[in-house]
Amino acid sequence: MAAQRQMATRTANAQAAADQWLRRAELAVSRGQDELAREALTRRKALQADADKMAAQAKMQQQACDQLSASVRMLEGKISEARSKKETLKARAASAKSSIAIQEMIGSLRSTSSSSFAVFDKMEEKVMALEAEAQSAAALATPDALEARFAMLEGGGGVEDELQALKSGLLKQEVARPRVEDYISQQQPAPVAVAARSDVDYELEQLRQMVRA
């Protein structure tokens, strides 16, 4: 910019000098001094040529400066665009990294959840198997009431055998002994409650009284 101003100043000075010699030539002509006017025109012509050259150079310099300014503006625009693209790429890269991290986190959570659920499923299967085994063991260890009663009778130290022996002995002594009904009637009168019982209970009561006798 300083060189351009200097060139413009030199061009203006050269043009001013050429114009001054043109006025001197006019003055010499008006005074009738043609030879002096001729010399003034010669000097003016040389100065005008220098001024024209300087003007042309100044114009070319101005064009170069304009082109340079345009190039600088274009370069600045490209630099700004590059910076913008850089920021955009950085943002995209950060977004991609975040997306990758999120996807990895989701994948890890899915894997962990799957493995955890698989462990829970196995634990549930084991618990169900243990519960089924416990129920089976409880069913085997807890017979029903009727089976328990007969088990007590069967495990009573030969009660059934003793009962059979008692029956056999009673049959052998049937002739020598009075009938059960007569014996019971002689001992004590049958209570009203016994008469009201079923046949099975009545016979059982008779057997008990005979055993006591």
N, C-alpha and C. Protein backbone atom coordinates (compact mmCIF):
# COMPACT_ATOMS: atom_id res chain seq x y z
N MET A 1 0.83 -1.20 0.00
CA MET A 1 0.00 0.00 0.00
C MET A 1 0.87 1.27 0.00
N ALA A 2 2.01 1.26 0.70
CA ALA A 2 2.91 2.42 0.72
C ALA A 2 3.51 2.66 -0.65
N ALA A 3 3.91 1.60 -1.34
CA ALA A 3 4.49 1.73 -2.68
C ALA A 3 3.46 2.29 -3.64
N GLN A 4 2.22 1.87 -3.46
CA GLN A 4 1.16 2.38 -4.33
C GLN A 4 0.95 3.88 -4.11
N ARG A 5 1.00 4.30 -2.88
CA ARG A 5 0.86 5.73 -2.59
C ARG A 5 2.04 6.52 -3.15
N GLN A 6 3.23 5.96 -3.02
CA GLN A 6 4.41 6.65 -3.59
C GLN A 6 4.31 6.78 -5.11
N MET A 7 3.87 5.70 -5.76
CA MET A 7 3.71 5.75 -7.22
C MET A 7 2.67 6.77 -7.61
N ALA A 8 1.60 6.86 -6.87
CA ALA A 8 0.56 7.84 -7.18
C ALA A 8 1.09 9.26 -7.00
N THR A 9 1.92 9.46 -5.97
CA THR A 9 2.50 10.79 -5.74
C THR A 9 3.45 11.18 -6.87
N ARG A 10 4.32 10.27 -7.29
CA ARG A 10 5.26 10.54 -8.38
C ARG A 10 4.51 10.81 -9.69
N THR A 11 3.45 10.04 -9.91
CA THR A 11 2.67 10.26 -11.15
C THR A 11 2.02 11.65 -11.14
N ALA A 12 1.48 12.02 -10.00
CA ALA A 12 0.84 13.34 -9.89
C ALA A 12 1.86 14.46 -10.07
N ASN A 13 3.06 14.30 -9.50
CA ASN A 13 4.11 15.32 -9.65
C ASN A 13 4.56 15.44 -11.11
N ALA A 14 4.73 14.29 -11.78
CA ALA A 14 5.15 14.30 -13.20
C ALA A 14 4.09 14.96 -14.06
N GLN A 15 2.82 14.65 -13.78
CA GLN A 15 1.75 15.26 -14.55
C GLN A 15 1.68 16.77 -14.29
N ALA A 16 1.90 17.17 -13.07
CA ALA A 16 1.89 18.61 -12.73
C ALA A 16 3.03 19.35 -13.45
N ALA A 17 4.21 18.71 -13.52
CA ALA A 17 5.36 19.33 -14.22
C ALA A 17 5.08 19.45 -15.71
N ALA A 18 4.48 18.39 -16.28
CA ALA A 18 4.14 18.44 -17.72
C ALA A 18 3.13 19.54 -17.99
N ASP A 19 2.15 19.66 -17.12
CA ASP A 19 1.14 20.73 -17.30
C ASP A 19 1.79 22.12 -17.16
N GLN A 20 2.74 22.23 -16.25
CA GLN A 20 3.41 23.52 -16.08
C GLN A 20 4.18 23.92 -17.34
N TRP A 21 4.90 23.00 -17.98
CA TRP A 21 5.63 23.29 -19.20
C TRP A 21 4.66 23.55 -20.35
N LEU A 22 3.49 22.95 -20.29
CA LEU A 22 2.51 23.27 -21.33
C LEU A 22 2.05 24.73 -21.19
N ARG A 23 1.85 25.20 -20.00
CA ARG A 23 1.44 26.59 -19.77
C ARG A 23 2.58 27.55 -20.18
N ARG A 24 3.82 27.14 -19.93
CA ARG A 24 4.96 27.99 -20.33
C ARG A 24 5.06 28.08 -21.87
N ALA A 25 4.76 26.95 -22.49
CA ALA A 25 4.79 26.99 -23.97
C ALA A 25 3.71 27.93 -24.49
N GLU A 26 2.55 27.87 -23.86
CA GLU A 26 1.46 28.78 -24.26
C GLU A 26 1.88 30.25 -24.02
N LEU A 27 2.55 30.48 -22.89
CA LEU A 27 2.99 31.84 -22.59
C LEU A 27 4.01 32.33 -23.63
N ALA A 28 4.95 31.45 -23.99
CA ALA A 28 5.98 31.84 -24.98
C ALA A 28 5.35 32.13 -26.34
N VAL A 29 4.34 31.32 -26.69
CA VAL A 29 3.66 31.56 -27.98
C VAL A 29 2.93 32.89 -27.94
N SER A 30 2.31 33.19 -26.81
CA SER A 30 1.57 34.45 -26.70
C SER A 30 2.51 35.65 -26.76
N ARG A 31 3.75 35.46 -26.42
CA ARG A 31 4.72 36.55 -26.44
C ARG A 31 5.51 36.55 -27.76
N GLY A 32 5.18 35.66 -28.62
CA GLY A 32 5.85 35.64 -29.92
C GLY A 32 7.19 34.97 -29.89
N GLN A 33 7.49 34.20 -28.88
CA GLN A 33 8.78 33.53 -28.78
C GLN A 33 8.56 32.03 -29.08
N ASP A 34 8.52 31.75 -30.34
CA ASP A 34 8.22 30.39 -30.76
C ASP A 34 9.33 29.41 -30.38
N GLU A 35 10.58 29.86 -30.50
CA GLU A 35 11.68 28.94 -30.15
C GLU A 35 11.61 28.54 -28.69
N LEU A 36 11.29 29.48 -27.83
CA LEU A 36 11.17 29.18 -26.40
C LEU A 36 9.95 28.28 -26.16
N ALA A 37 8.90 28.55 -26.91
CA ALA A 37 7.70 27.71 -26.78
C ALA A 37 8.01 26.29 -27.22
N ARG A 38 8.84 26.15 -28.32
CA ARG A 38 9.21 24.81 -28.81
C ARG A 38 9.97 24.04 -27.73
N GLU A 39 10.91 24.69 -27.06
CA GLU A 39 11.68 24.03 -26.00
C GLU A 39 10.78 23.64 -24.83
N ALA A 40 9.83 24.52 -24.53
CA ALA A 40 8.89 24.21 -23.44
C ALA A 40 8.04 23.00 -23.78
N LEU A 41 7.59 22.90 -25.05
CA LEU A 41 6.79 21.74 -25.47
C LEU A 41 7.62 20.46 -25.43
N THR A 42 8.92 20.60 -25.83
CA THR A 42 9.79 19.41 -25.78
C THR A 42 9.92 18.90 -24.34
N ARG A 43 10.17 19.86 -23.41
CA ARG A 43 10.27 19.44 -22.00
C ARG A 43 8.93 18.88 -21.50
N ARG A 44 7.86 19.52 -21.94
CA ARG A 44 6.53 19.04 -21.50
C ARG A 44 6.26 17.64 -22.02
N LYS A 45 6.68 17.35 -23.28
CA LYS A 45 6.45 16.05 -23.88
C LYS A 45 7.19 14.95 -23.09
N ALA A 46 8.41 15.25 -22.71
CA ALA A 46 9.19 14.26 -21.95
C ALA A 46 8.55 13.99 -20.59
N LEU A 47 8.16 15.10 -19.92
CA LEU A 47 7.52 14.93 -18.61
C LEU A 47 6.17 14.22 -18.72
N GLN A 48 5.44 14.51 -19.80
CA GLN A 48 4.14 13.85 -19.98
C GLN A 48 4.32 12.36 -20.22
N ALA A 49 5.40 12.04 -21.01
CA ALA A 49 5.67 10.62 -21.24
C ALA A 49 5.99 9.92 -19.92
N ASP A 50 6.81 10.59 -19.10
CA ASP A 50 7.11 9.99 -17.78
C ASP A 50 5.83 9.86 -16.94
N ALA A 51 4.98 10.89 -16.99
CA ALA A 51 3.74 10.86 -16.21
C ALA A 51 2.83 9.75 -16.69
N ASP A 52 2.76 9.57 -18.04
CA ASP A 52 1.91 8.50 -18.58
C ASP A 52 2.43 7.12 -18.16
N LYS A 53 3.79 6.98 -18.23
CA LYS A 53 4.36 5.70 -17.80
C LYS A 53 4.06 5.43 -16.32
N MET A 54 4.25 6.49 -15.54
CA MET A 54 3.97 6.31 -14.12
C MET A 54 2.49 5.99 -13.88
N ALA A 55 1.60 6.63 -14.63
CA ALA A 55 0.17 6.37 -14.49
C ALA A 55 -0.16 4.93 -14.87
N ALA A 56 0.51 4.47 -15.99
CA ALA A 56 0.29 3.08 -16.40
C ALA A 56 0.80 2.12 -15.33
N GLN A 57 1.98 2.43 -14.81
CA GLN A 57 2.52 1.57 -13.75
C GLN A 57 1.63 1.59 -12.50
N ALA A 58 1.12 2.79 -12.19
CA ALA A 58 0.24 2.90 -11.03
C ALA A 58 -1.04 2.10 -11.24
N LYS A 59 -1.53 2.15 -12.51
CA LYS A 59 -2.74 1.38 -12.82
C LYS A 59 -2.48 -0.11 -12.69
N MET A 60 -1.34 -0.54 -13.26
CA MET A 60 -0.99 -1.96 -13.16
C MET A 60 -0.79 -2.37 -11.69
N GLN A 61 -0.14 -1.45 -10.97
CA GLN A 61 0.08 -1.74 -9.56
C GLN A 61 -1.24 -1.82 -8.80
N GLN A 62 -2.18 -0.94 -9.17
CA GLN A 62 -3.49 -0.96 -8.53
C GLN A 62 -4.23 -2.26 -8.85
N GLN A 63 -4.12 -2.66 -10.13
CA GLN A 63 -4.75 -3.93 -10.51
C GLN A 63 -4.14 -5.11 -9.75
N ALA A 64 -2.80 -5.05 -9.64
CA ALA A 64 -2.13 -6.12 -8.90
C ALA A 64 -2.57 -6.12 -7.44
N CYS A 65 -2.67 -4.90 -6.90
CA CYS A 65 -3.13 -4.81 -5.51
C CYS A 65 -4.56 -5.31 -5.35
N ASP A 66 -5.39 -4.96 -6.35
CA ASP A 66 -6.77 -5.45 -6.29
C ASP A 66 -6.83 -6.98 -6.38
N GLN A 67 -6.02 -7.51 -7.32
CA GLN A 67 -5.98 -8.97 -7.44
C GLN A 67 -5.45 -9.62 -6.16
N LEU A 68 -4.41 -8.96 -5.61
CA LEU A 68 -3.86 -9.50 -4.37
C LEU A 68 -4.89 -9.46 -3.24
N SER A 69 -5.61 -8.34 -3.18
CA SER A 69 -6.65 -8.23 -2.15
C SER A 69 -7.73 -9.29 -2.35
N ALA A 70 -8.11 -9.48 -3.64
CA ALA A 70 -9.11 -10.50 -3.93
C ALA A 70 -8.60 -11.89 -3.54
N SER A 71 -7.33 -12.12 -3.88
CA SER A 71 -6.74 -13.42 -3.53
C SER A 71 -6.68 -13.60 -2.01
N VAL A 72 -6.33 -12.49 -1.33
CA VAL A 72 -6.28 -12.57 0.14
C VAL A 72 -7.66 -12.86 0.70
N ARG A 73 -8.68 -12.16 0.15
CA ARG A 73 -10.04 -12.41 0.64
C ARG A 73 -10.47 -13.85 0.35
N MET A 74 -10.11 -14.31 -0.86
CA MET A 74 -10.44 -15.69 -1.21
C MET A 74 -9.74 -16.68 -0.27
N LEU A 75 -8.45 -16.36 -0.02
CA LEU A 75 -7.69 -17.23 0.87
C LEU A 75 -8.28 -17.21 2.28
N GLU A 76 -8.63 -16.00 2.72
CA GLU A 76 -9.25 -15.90 4.04
C GLU A 76 -10.57 -16.68 4.09
N GLY A 77 -11.34 -16.60 2.99
CA GLY A 77 -12.59 -17.36 2.93
C GLY A 77 -12.33 -18.86 3.00
N LYS A 78 -11.29 -19.29 2.24
CA LYS A 78 -10.96 -20.72 2.27
C LYS A 78 -10.47 -21.14 3.65
N ILE A 79 -9.67 -20.23 4.26
CA ILE A 79 -9.19 -20.54 5.61
C ILE A 79 -10.36 -20.65 6.58
N SER A 80 -11.29 -19.70 6.47
CA SER A 80 -12.47 -19.75 7.33
C SER A 80 -13.29 -21.01 7.07
N GLU A 81 -13.43 -21.33 5.77
CA GLU A 81 -14.16 -22.55 5.42
C GLU A 81 -13.45 -23.79 5.96
N ALA A 82 -12.11 -23.77 5.85
CA ALA A 82 -11.33 -24.91 6.36
C ALA A 82 -11.50 -25.03 7.87
N ARG A 83 -11.47 -23.88 8.56
CA ARG A 83 -11.67 -23.91 10.01
C ARG A 83 -13.06 -24.43 10.36
N SER A 84 -14.05 -23.96 9.58
CA SER A 84 -15.41 -24.43 9.83
C SER A 84 -15.52 -25.94 9.60
N LYS A 85 -14.89 -26.39 8.50
CA LYS A 85 -14.90 -27.83 8.23
C LYS A 85 -14.17 -28.59 9.32
N LYS A 86 -13.07 -27.97 9.79
CA LYS A 86 -12.31 -28.61 10.86
C LYS A 86 -13.18 -28.78 12.10
N GLU A 87 -13.89 -27.69 12.47
CA GLU A 87 -14.76 -27.77 13.64
C GLU A 87 -15.87 -28.78 13.42
N THR A 88 -16.41 -28.78 12.17
CA THR A 88 -17.46 -29.75 11.86
C THR A 88 -16.94 -31.17 11.97
N LEU A 89 -15.74 -31.38 11.41
CA LEU A 89 -15.15 -32.72 11.49
C LEU A 89 -14.86 -33.12 12.94
N LYS A 90 -14.38 -32.14 13.72
CA LYS A 90 -14.13 -32.44 15.13
C LYS A 90 -15.43 -32.82 15.84
N ALA A 91 -16.50 -32.05 15.54
CA ALA A 91 -17.79 -32.36 16.15
C ALA A 91 -18.29 -33.73 15.71
N ARG A 92 -18.12 -34.01 14.39
CA ARG A 92 -18.55 -35.33 13.90
C ARG A 92 -17.73 -36.45 14.52
N ALA A 93 -16.42 -36.20 14.65
CA ALA A 93 -15.56 -37.22 15.27
C ALA A 93 -15.96 -37.45 16.72
N ALA A 94 -16.22 -36.33 17.44
CA ALA A 94 -16.64 -36.48 18.84
C ALA A 94 -17.97 -37.21 18.93
N SER A 95 -18.90 -36.86 18.01
CA SER A 95 -20.19 -37.54 18.00
C SER A 95 -20.03 -39.02 17.69
N ALA A 96 -19.14 -39.31 16.72
CA ALA A 96 -18.90 -40.72 16.37
C ALA A 96 -18.30 -41.48 17.54
N LYS A 97 -17.32 -40.83 18.23
CA LYS A 97 -16.73 -41.48 19.40
C LYS A 97 -17.77 -41.70 20.48
N SER A 98 -18.62 -40.69 20.70
CA SER A 98 -19.67 -40.84 21.70
C SER A 98 -20.63 -41.96 21.31
N SER A 99 -20.98 -41.99 20.02
CA SER A 99 -21.87 -43.05 19.54
C SER A 99 -21.25 -44.42 19.73
N ILE A 100 -19.94 -44.51 19.39
CA ILE A 100 -19.24 -45.79 19.57
C ILE A 100 -19.22 -46.17 21.05
N ALA A 101 -18.92 -45.19 21.90
CA ALA A 101 -18.88 -45.48 23.34
C ALA A 101 -20.24 -45.92 23.85
N ILE A 102 -21.29 -45.23 23.35
CA ILE A 102 -22.64 -45.59 23.78
C ILE A 102 -22.99 -46.99 23.30
N GLN A 103 -22.66 -47.29 22.03
CA GLN A 103 -22.94 -48.62 21.50
C GLN A 103 -22.18 -49.69 22.27
N GLU A 104 -20.91 -49.40 22.58
CA GLU A 104 -20.13 -50.37 23.37
C GLU A 104 -20.74 -50.55 24.75
N MET A 105 -21.20 -49.43 25.34
CA MET A 105 -21.82 -49.53 26.65
C MET A 105 -23.11 -50.35 26.58
N ILE A 106 -23.91 -50.09 25.53
CA ILE A 106 -25.15 -50.86 25.36
C ILE A 106 -24.84 -52.33 25.15
N GLY A 107 -23.81 -52.59 24.31
CA GLY A 107 -23.43 -53.99 24.09
C GLY A 107 -22.96 -54.65 25.36
N SER A 108 -22.18 -53.90 26.17
CA SER A 108 -21.72 -54.46 27.44
C SER A 108 -22.89 -54.72 28.38
N LEU A 109 -23.84 -53.77 28.41
CA LEU A 109 -25.01 -53.97 29.26
C LEU A 109 -25.83 -55.16 28.79
N ARG A 110 -25.98 -55.29 27.45
CA ARG A 110 -26.73 -56.43 26.94
C ARG A 110 -26.04 -57.73 27.30
N SER A 111 -24.71 -57.75 27.14
CA SER A 111 -23.96 -58.96 27.46
C SER A 111 -24.07 -59.29 28.95
N THR A 112 -23.90 -58.22 29.78
CA THR A 112 -24.00 -58.44 31.22
C THR A 112 -25.40 -58.88 31.61
N SER A 113 -26.41 -58.23 31.01
CA SER A 113 -27.79 -58.59 31.32
C SER A 113 -28.07 -60.02 30.90
N SER A 114 -27.59 -60.38 29.70
CA SER A 114 -27.82 -61.74 29.21
C SER A 114 -27.18 -62.76 30.13
N SER A 115 -25.91 -62.50 30.51
CA SER A 115 -25.23 -63.43 31.40
C SER A 115 -25.90 -63.46 32.76
N SER A 116 -26.33 -62.29 33.25
CA SER A 116 -27.00 -62.24 34.55
C SER A 116 -28.32 -63.00 34.51
N PHE A 117 -29.10 -62.78 33.44
CA PHE A 117 -30.36 -63.49 33.31
C PHE A 117 -30.12 -64.99 33.17
N ALA A 118 -29.05 -65.36 32.47
CA ALA A 118 -28.73 -66.78 32.34
C ALA A 118 -28.41 -67.38 33.70
N VAL A 119 -27.65 -66.62 34.51
CA VAL A 119 -27.32 -67.09 35.86
C VAL A 119 -28.59 -67.22 36.70
N PHE A 120 -29.47 -66.20 36.58
CA PHE A 120 -30.73 -66.26 37.33
C PHE A 120 -31.58 -67.44 36.89
N ASP A 121 -31.61 -67.71 35.59
CA ASP A 121 -32.37 -68.85 35.09
C ASP A 121 -31.82 -70.16 35.65
N LYS A 122 -30.48 -70.29 35.65
CA LYS A 122 -29.89 -71.51 36.21
C LYS A 122 -30.19 -71.63 37.70
N MET A 123 -30.10 -70.51 38.42
CA MET A 123 -30.42 -70.54 39.84
C MET A 123 -31.88 -70.94 40.06
N GLU A 124 -32.77 -70.40 39.23
CA GLU A 124 -34.18 -70.73 39.37
C GLU A 124 -34.42 -72.21 39.08
N GLU A 125 -33.74 -72.74 38.06
CA GLU A 125 -33.87 -74.17 37.76
C GLU A 125 -33.39 -75.02 38.93
N LYS A 126 -32.25 -74.62 39.53
CA LYS A 126 -31.73 -75.38 40.67
C LYS A 126 -32.70 -75.32 41.85
N VAL A 127 -33.24 -74.11 42.11
CA VAL A 127 -34.19 -73.97 43.22
C VAL A 127 -35.43 -74.80 42.97
N MET A 128 -35.94 -74.78 41.73
CA MET A 128 -37.13 -75.58 41.40
C MET A 128 -36.84 -77.06 41.56
N ALA A 129 -35.63 -77.49 41.16
CA ALA A 129 -35.27 -78.89 41.32
C ALA A 129 -35.19 -79.27 42.79
N LEU A 130 -34.58 -78.38 43.61
CA LEU A 130 -34.50 -78.64 45.05
C LEU A 130 -35.89 -78.67 45.67
N GLU A 131 -36.76 -77.76 45.24
CA GLU A 131 -38.13 -77.76 45.77
C GLU A 131 -38.87 -79.04 45.40
N ALA A 132 -38.70 -79.49 44.15
CA ALA A 132 -39.35 -80.73 43.74
C ALA A 132 -38.80 -81.91 44.54
N GLU A 133 -37.47 -81.92 44.74
CA GLU A 133 -36.86 -83.00 45.52
C GLU A 133 -37.37 -82.97 46.96
N ALA A 134 -37.48 -81.76 47.53
CA ALA A 134 -37.98 -81.64 48.90
C ALA A 134 -39.42 -82.10 49.00
N GLN A 135 -40.24 -81.75 48.00
CA GLN A 135 -41.63 -82.20 48.01
C GLN A 135 -41.73 -83.71 47.90
N SER A 136 -40.88 -84.30 47.05
CA SER A 136 -40.89 -85.75 46.92
C SER A 136 -40.46 -86.40 48.22
N ALA A 137 -39.41 -85.86 48.85
CA ALA A 137 -38.95 -86.41 50.12
C ALA A 137 -40.01 -86.27 51.20
N ALA A 138 -40.69 -85.13 51.20
CA ALA A 138 -41.75 -84.93 52.19
C ALA A 138 -42.90 -85.90 51.96
N ALA A 139 -43.23 -86.13 50.66
CA ALA A 139 -44.31 -87.07 50.36
C ALA A 139 -43.94 -88.48 50.79
N LEU A 140 -42.66 -88.85 50.59
CA LEU A 140 -42.23 -90.19 51.00
C LEU A 140 -42.13 -90.30 52.52
N ALA A 141 -41.74 -89.20 53.17
CA ALA A 141 -41.56 -89.24 54.62
C ALA A 141 -42.85 -89.04 55.39
N THR A 142 -43.94 -88.64 54.74
CA THR A 142 -45.20 -88.37 55.42
C THR A 142 -46.31 -89.23 54.82
N PRO A 143 -46.52 -90.44 55.29
CA PRO A 143 -47.61 -91.28 54.77
C PRO A 143 -48.95 -90.73 55.22
N ASP A 144 -50.00 -91.22 54.59
CA ASP A 144 -51.32 -90.75 54.97
C ASP A 144 -51.74 -91.34 56.32
N ALA A 145 -52.86 -90.88 56.85
CA ALA A 145 -53.27 -91.26 58.21
C ALA A 145 -53.55 -92.75 58.33
N LEU A 146 -54.22 -93.32 57.31
CA LEU A 146 -54.56 -94.74 57.38
C LEU A 146 -53.32 -95.61 57.37
N GLU A 147 -52.34 -95.26 56.48
CA GLU A 147 -51.09 -96.01 56.44
C GLU A 147 -50.32 -95.86 57.74
N ALA A 148 -50.36 -94.67 58.35
CA ALA A 148 -49.67 -94.46 59.63
C ALA A 148 -50.27 -95.32 60.73
N ARG A 149 -51.60 -95.42 60.73
CA ARG A 149 -52.25 -96.23 61.77
C ARG A 149 -51.89 -97.70 61.63
N PHE A 150 -51.92 -98.18 60.38
CA PHE A 150 -51.57 -99.59 60.17
C PHE A 150 -50.09 -99.83 60.43
N ALA A 151 -49.25 -98.82 60.14
CA ALA A 151 -47.83 -98.98 60.44
C ALA A 151 -47.59 -99.10 61.93
N MET A 152 -48.36 -98.33 62.71
CA MET A 152 -48.25 -98.45 64.17
C MET A 152 -48.70 -99.81 64.65
N LEU A 153 -49.76 -100.32 64.02
CA LEU A 153 -50.23 -101.66 64.42
C LEU A 153 -49.22 -102.73 64.04
N GLU A 154 -48.68 -102.58 62.79
CA GLU A 154 -47.72 -103.59 62.33
C GLU A 154 -46.43 -103.53 63.10
N GLY A 155 -46.04 -102.39 63.60
CA GLY A 155 -44.80 -102.26 64.35
C GLY A 155 -45.00 -102.32 65.84
N GLY A 156 -46.08 -102.85 66.29
CA GLY A 156 -46.40 -102.86 67.72
C GLY A 156 -45.82 -104.03 68.48
N GLY A 157 -44.76 -104.69 68.00
CA GLY A 157 -44.12 -105.78 68.75
C GLY A 157 -44.90 -107.08 68.72
N GLY A 158 -45.49 -107.40 67.54
CA GLY A 158 -46.19 -108.69 67.42
C GLY A 158 -47.58 -108.68 67.98
N VAL A 159 -48.24 -107.57 67.96
CA VAL A 159 -49.61 -107.47 68.48
C VAL A 159 -50.55 -108.36 67.70
N GLU A 160 -50.35 -108.35 66.36
CA GLU A 160 -51.21 -109.20 65.53
C GLU A 160 -51.03 -110.67 65.88
N ASP A 161 -49.77 -111.05 66.09
CA ASP A 161 -49.51 -112.46 66.47
C ASP A 161 -50.13 -112.78 67.82
N GLU A 162 -50.00 -111.87 68.76
CA GLU A 162 -50.60 -112.10 70.07
C GLU A 162 -52.11 -112.19 69.98
N LEU A 163 -52.69 -111.34 69.09
CA LEU A 163 -54.14 -111.39 68.92
C LEU A 163 -54.59 -112.72 68.35
N GLN A 164 -53.82 -113.23 67.37
CA GLN A 164 -54.16 -114.54 66.80
C GLN A 164 -54.01 -115.64 67.84
N ALA A 165 -52.94 -115.56 68.64
CA ALA A 165 -52.75 -116.57 69.70
C ALA A 165 -53.87 -116.50 70.72
N LEU A 166 -54.29 -115.27 71.04
CA LEU A 166 -55.39 -115.10 71.98
C LEU A 166 -56.66 -115.72 71.45
N LYS A 167 -56.91 -115.49 70.15
CA LYS A 167 -58.11 -116.07 69.55
C LYS A 167 -58.06 -117.59 69.60
N SER A 168 -56.88 -118.16 69.29
CA SER A 168 -56.74 -119.63 69.32
C SER A 168 -56.97 -120.16 70.73
N GLY A 169 -56.40 -119.49 71.72
CA GLY A 169 -56.60 -119.92 73.11
C GLY A 169 -58.03 -119.83 73.54
N LEU A 170 -58.70 -118.80 73.08
CA LEU A 170 -60.11 -118.64 73.44
C LEU A 170 -60.96 -119.73 72.83
N LEU A 171 -60.60 -120.14 71.59
CA LEU A 171 -61.37 -121.21 70.96
C LEU A 171 -61.20 -122.53 71.72
N LYS A 172 -59.98 -122.75 72.20
CA LYS A 172 -59.73 -123.99 72.95
C LYS A 172 -60.45 -123.99 74.29
N GLN A 173 -60.61 -122.84 74.90
CA GLN A 173 -61.24 -122.75 76.20
C GLN A 173 -62.74 -122.48 76.11
N GLU A 174 -63.27 -122.57 74.93
CA GLU A 174 -64.68 -122.19 74.75
C GLU A 174 -65.62 -123.14 75.51
N VAL A 175 -65.25 -124.44 75.54
CA VAL A 175 -66.12 -125.41 76.21
C VAL A 175 -66.06 -125.21 77.72
N ALA A 176 -64.87 -124.99 78.25
CA ALA A 176 -64.72 -124.85 79.69
C ALA A 176 -65.19 -123.51 80.20
N ARG A 177 -65.22 -122.52 79.35
CA ARG A 177 -65.59 -121.18 79.79
C ARG A 177 -67.01 -120.86 79.36
N PRO A 178 -67.64 -120.09 80.16
CA PRO A 178 -68.96 -119.63 79.72
C PRO A 178 -68.82 -118.66 78.55
N ARG A 179 -69.92 -118.40 77.90
CA ARG A 179 -69.90 -117.49 76.76
C ARG A 179 -69.58 -116.08 77.23
N VAL A 180 -69.05 -115.32 76.34
CA VAL A 180 -68.65 -113.96 76.67
C VAL A 180 -69.83 -113.15 77.15
N GLU A 181 -70.97 -113.32 76.50
CA GLU A 181 -72.13 -112.53 76.88
C GLU A 181 -72.56 -112.85 78.30
N ASP A 182 -72.50 -114.19 78.65
CA ASP A 182 -72.91 -114.57 80.00
C ASP A 182 -71.93 -114.02 81.02
N TYR A 183 -70.63 -114.08 80.68
CA TYR A 183 -69.62 -113.60 81.62
C TYR A 183 -69.77 -112.12 81.87
N ILE A 184 -69.99 -111.40 80.82
CA ILE A 184 -70.12 -109.95 80.96
C ILE A 184 -71.36 -109.59 81.74
N SER A 185 -72.46 -110.34 81.50
CA SER A 185 -73.70 -110.05 82.21
C SER A 185 -73.59 -110.39 83.68
N GLN A 186 -72.78 -111.42 84.01
CA GLN A 186 -72.59 -111.76 85.40
C GLN A 186 -71.73 -110.74 86.13
N GLN A 187 -70.73 -110.21 85.47
CA GLN A 187 -69.82 -109.27 86.11
C GLN A 187 -70.50 -107.95 86.38
N GLN A 188 -71.06 -107.36 85.37
CA GLN A 188 -71.70 -106.06 85.53
C GLN A 188 -72.64 -105.84 84.38
N PRO A 189 -73.62 -105.08 84.63
CA PRO A 189 -74.56 -104.81 83.53
C PRO A 189 -73.90 -103.98 82.45
N ALA A 190 -74.22 -104.30 81.20
CA ALA A 190 -73.64 -103.55 80.07
C ALA A 190 -74.11 -102.13 80.10
N PRO A 191 -73.20 -101.19 80.00
CA PRO A 191 -73.62 -99.77 80.00
C PRO A 191 -74.43 -99.44 78.77
N VAL A 192 -75.17 -98.41 78.92
CA VAL A 192 -76.04 -97.98 77.81
C VAL A 192 -75.21 -97.57 76.62
N ALA A 193 -74.01 -97.00 76.88
CA ALA A 193 -73.16 -96.54 75.77
C ALA A 193 -72.70 -97.69 74.93
N VAL A 194 -72.42 -98.89 75.56
CA VAL A 194 -71.95 -100.06 74.80
C VAL A 194 -73.03 -100.56 73.89
N ALA A 195 -74.29 -100.58 74.38
CA ALA A 195 -75.40 -101.06 73.54
C ALA A 195 -75.60 -100.18 72.34
N ALA A 196 -75.19 -98.93 72.46
CA ALA A 196 -75.40 -98.00 71.35
C ALA A 196 -74.28 -98.01 70.35
N ARG A 197 -73.17 -98.69 70.62
CA ARG A 197 -72.06 -98.70 69.70
C ARG A 197 -72.33 -99.63 68.54
N SER A 198 -71.43 -99.56 67.59
CA SER A 198 -71.53 -100.45 66.43
C SER A 198 -71.10 -101.86 66.81
N ASP A 199 -71.34 -102.78 65.96
CA ASP A 199 -70.98 -104.18 66.22
C ASP A 199 -69.48 -104.35 66.39
N VAL A 200 -68.71 -103.67 65.59
CA VAL A 200 -67.26 -103.80 65.67
C VAL A 200 -66.76 -103.29 67.02
N ASP A 201 -67.24 -102.15 67.47
CA ASP A 201 -66.82 -101.62 68.76
C ASP A 201 -67.27 -102.52 69.91
N TYR A 202 -68.45 -103.10 69.76
CA TYR A 202 -68.97 -103.99 70.82
C TYR A 202 -68.11 -105.22 70.97
N GLU A 203 -67.76 -105.83 69.83
CA GLU A 203 -66.91 -107.02 69.88
C GLU A 203 -65.53 -106.68 70.43
N LEU A 204 -64.99 -105.54 70.07
CA LEU A 204 -63.70 -105.13 70.58
C LEU A 204 -63.75 -104.95 72.09
N GLU A 205 -64.81 -104.38 72.62
CA GLU A 205 -64.97 -104.20 74.06
C GLU A 205 -65.04 -105.54 74.78
N GLN A 206 -65.72 -106.50 74.16
CA GLN A 206 -65.79 -107.84 74.75
C GLN A 206 -64.41 -108.47 74.84
N LEU A 207 -63.62 -108.33 73.77
CA LEU A 207 -62.28 -108.90 73.78
C LEU A 207 -61.43 -108.27 74.86
N ARG A 208 -61.54 -106.95 75.02
CA ARG A 208 -60.77 -106.28 76.06
C ARG A 208 -61.12 -106.80 77.45
N GLN A 209 -62.41 -107.02 77.74
CA GLN A 209 -62.83 -107.51 79.05
C GLN A 209 -62.36 -108.93 79.29
N MET A 210 -62.36 -109.74 78.22
CA MET A 210 -61.88 -111.11 78.37
C MET A 210 -60.39 -111.13 78.66
N VAL A 211 -59.63 -110.25 78.01
CA VAL A 211 -58.19 -110.19 78.25
C VAL A 211 -57.91 -109.77 79.68
N ARG A 212 -58.65 -108.80 80.19
CA ARG A 212 -58.46 -108.37 81.56
C ARG A 212 -58.75 -109.49 82.55
N ALA A 213 -59.77 -110.34 82.27
CA ALA A 213 -60.11 -111.44 83.16
C ALA A 213 -59.01 -112.50 83.16
